[in-house]
């Protein structure tokens, strides 16, 4: 199965983001069936480290660093986006149609 941003974004019907999770609805245009996937809301893939001194002396800067670090919902430059993580959880419901070169709900 070819799980790429280009293939998965064609299935994306709806995305809901709250403080705890990202809920993605993937809909197959061929069969009109939908599958829902929820993944934890992860503000940052990497590791943010703060020292006690940073938090104590610069609380606003520390807060902004943690809460305003961008997340990647969708992007072609990286493979580990939230949309792809959500799709990988439910990918067993889809098969690759080599003739049409699309993912189809099985």
Protein backbone atom coordinates (compact mmCIF):
# COMPACT_ATOMS: atom_id res chain seq x y z
CA UNK A 1 0.00 0.00 0.00
CA UNK A 2 1.33 3.45 -0.88
CA UNK A 3 0.78 5.68 2.13
CA UNK A 4 1.87 9.13 1.02
CA UNK A 5 0.55 12.58 1.74
CA UNK A 6 -0.82 12.81 -1.77
CA UNK A 7 -2.79 9.55 -1.44
CA UNK A 8 -4.03 10.13 2.10
CA UNK A 9 -5.13 13.74 1.62
CA UNK A 10 -7.54 12.57 -1.08
CA UNK A 11 -9.35 10.54 1.61
CA UNK A 12 -9.42 13.26 4.24
CA UNK A 13 -13.00 14.40 4.73
CA UNK A 14 -12.95 16.23 8.08
CA UNK A 15 -10.49 17.07 10.88
CA UNK A 16 -11.39 18.14 14.42
CA UNK A 17 -8.68 19.35 16.79
CA UNK A 18 -9.15 19.92 20.50
CA UNK A 19 -6.71 20.22 23.38
CA UNK A 20 -6.34 16.47 23.78
CA UNK A 21 -6.73 14.86 20.36
CA UNK A 22 -6.92 15.20 16.61
CA UNK A 23 -9.85 13.34 15.06
CA UNK A 24 -9.62 12.61 11.34
CA UNK A 25 -12.45 11.33 9.16
CA UNK A 26 -11.21 9.48 6.09
CA UNK A 27 -13.79 8.88 3.38
CA UNK A 28 -13.43 6.71 0.30
CA UNK A 29 -14.95 8.38 -2.75
CA UNK A 30 -15.34 5.03 -4.51
CA UNK A 31 -17.35 3.25 -1.80
CA UNK A 32 -18.60 6.31 0.12
CA UNK A 33 -17.53 4.64 3.41
CA UNK A 34 -15.83 6.55 6.21
CA UNK A 35 -13.38 5.55 8.91
CA UNK A 36 -12.57 7.74 11.93
CA UNK A 37 -9.19 7.84 13.61
CA UNK A 38 -8.16 9.72 16.75
CA UNK A 39 -4.59 10.43 17.73
CA UNK A 40 -3.29 12.33 20.75
CA UNK A 41 -2.65 16.01 20.23
CA UNK A 42 1.12 16.30 20.25
CA UNK A 43 2.35 19.87 20.18
CA UNK A 44 5.90 18.88 19.25
CA UNK A 45 7.67 15.75 18.01
CA UNK A 46 11.03 16.65 19.51
CA UNK A 47 12.05 17.14 23.07
CA UNK A 48 11.70 20.55 24.71
CA UNK A 49 13.92 20.93 27.73
CA UNK A 50 13.64 23.60 30.39
CA UNK A 51 15.86 24.21 33.35
CA UNK A 52 14.41 25.22 36.69
CA UNK A 53 16.25 28.52 36.35
CA UNK A 54 14.65 29.23 32.93
CA UNK A 55 11.15 28.59 34.25
CA UNK A 56 11.76 30.63 37.39
CA UNK A 57 13.47 33.62 35.74
CA UNK A 58 11.62 33.62 32.40
CA UNK A 59 8.18 32.08 32.97
CA UNK A 60 6.48 33.81 30.01
CA UNK A 61 9.28 32.89 27.61
CA UNK A 62 9.15 29.26 28.83
CA UNK A 63 5.37 29.18 28.45
CA UNK A 64 5.55 30.59 24.92
CA UNK A 65 8.27 28.15 23.94
CA UNK A 66 6.17 25.19 25.07
CA UNK A 67 2.70 26.25 23.96
CA UNK A 68 3.58 28.04 20.74
CA UNK A 69 5.83 25.45 19.16
CA UNK A 70 4.26 24.69 15.78
CA UNK A 71 2.81 21.28 15.01
CA UNK A 72 2.60 19.67 11.61
CA UNK A 73 -0.93 18.64 10.80
CA UNK A 74 -0.17 18.08 7.13
CA UNK A 75 2.91 18.74 5.04
CA UNK A 76 4.75 17.13 2.18
CA UNK A 77 8.21 17.80 3.58
CA UNK A 78 7.96 15.38 6.51
CA UNK A 79 6.48 11.89 6.77
CA UNK A 80 5.43 12.02 10.42
CA UNK A 81 2.50 14.39 10.35
CA UNK A 82 -0.62 14.07 12.47
CA UNK A 83 -2.72 13.21 9.40
CA UNK A 84 -0.41 10.32 8.47
CA UNK A 85 -0.26 9.05 12.05
CA UNK A 86 -4.06 9.02 12.14
CA UNK A 87 -4.28 7.23 8.80
CA UNK A 88 -1.70 4.60 9.75
CA UNK A 89 -3.91 3.62 12.72
CA UNK A 90 -6.81 2.75 10.39
CA UNK A 91 -4.90 1.86 7.20
CA UNK A 92 -5.99 -1.79 7.43
CA UNK A 93 -9.42 -0.62 6.24
CA UNK A 94 -7.98 0.52 2.91
CA UNK A 95 -6.31 -1.21 -0.02
CA UNK A 96 -4.28 0.19 -2.89
CA UNK A 97 -5.99 0.06 -6.30
CA UNK A 98 -3.11 -0.13 -8.77
CA UNK A 99 -5.31 0.56 -11.80
CA UNK A 100 -6.77 3.79 -10.42
CA UNK A 101 -3.68 4.56 -8.30
CA UNK A 102 -5.77 5.43 -5.23
CA UNK A 103 -6.54 4.02 -1.80
CA UNK A 104 -9.97 2.38 -1.58
CA UNK A 105 -11.96 1.24 1.46
CA UNK A 106 -12.05 -2.57 1.51
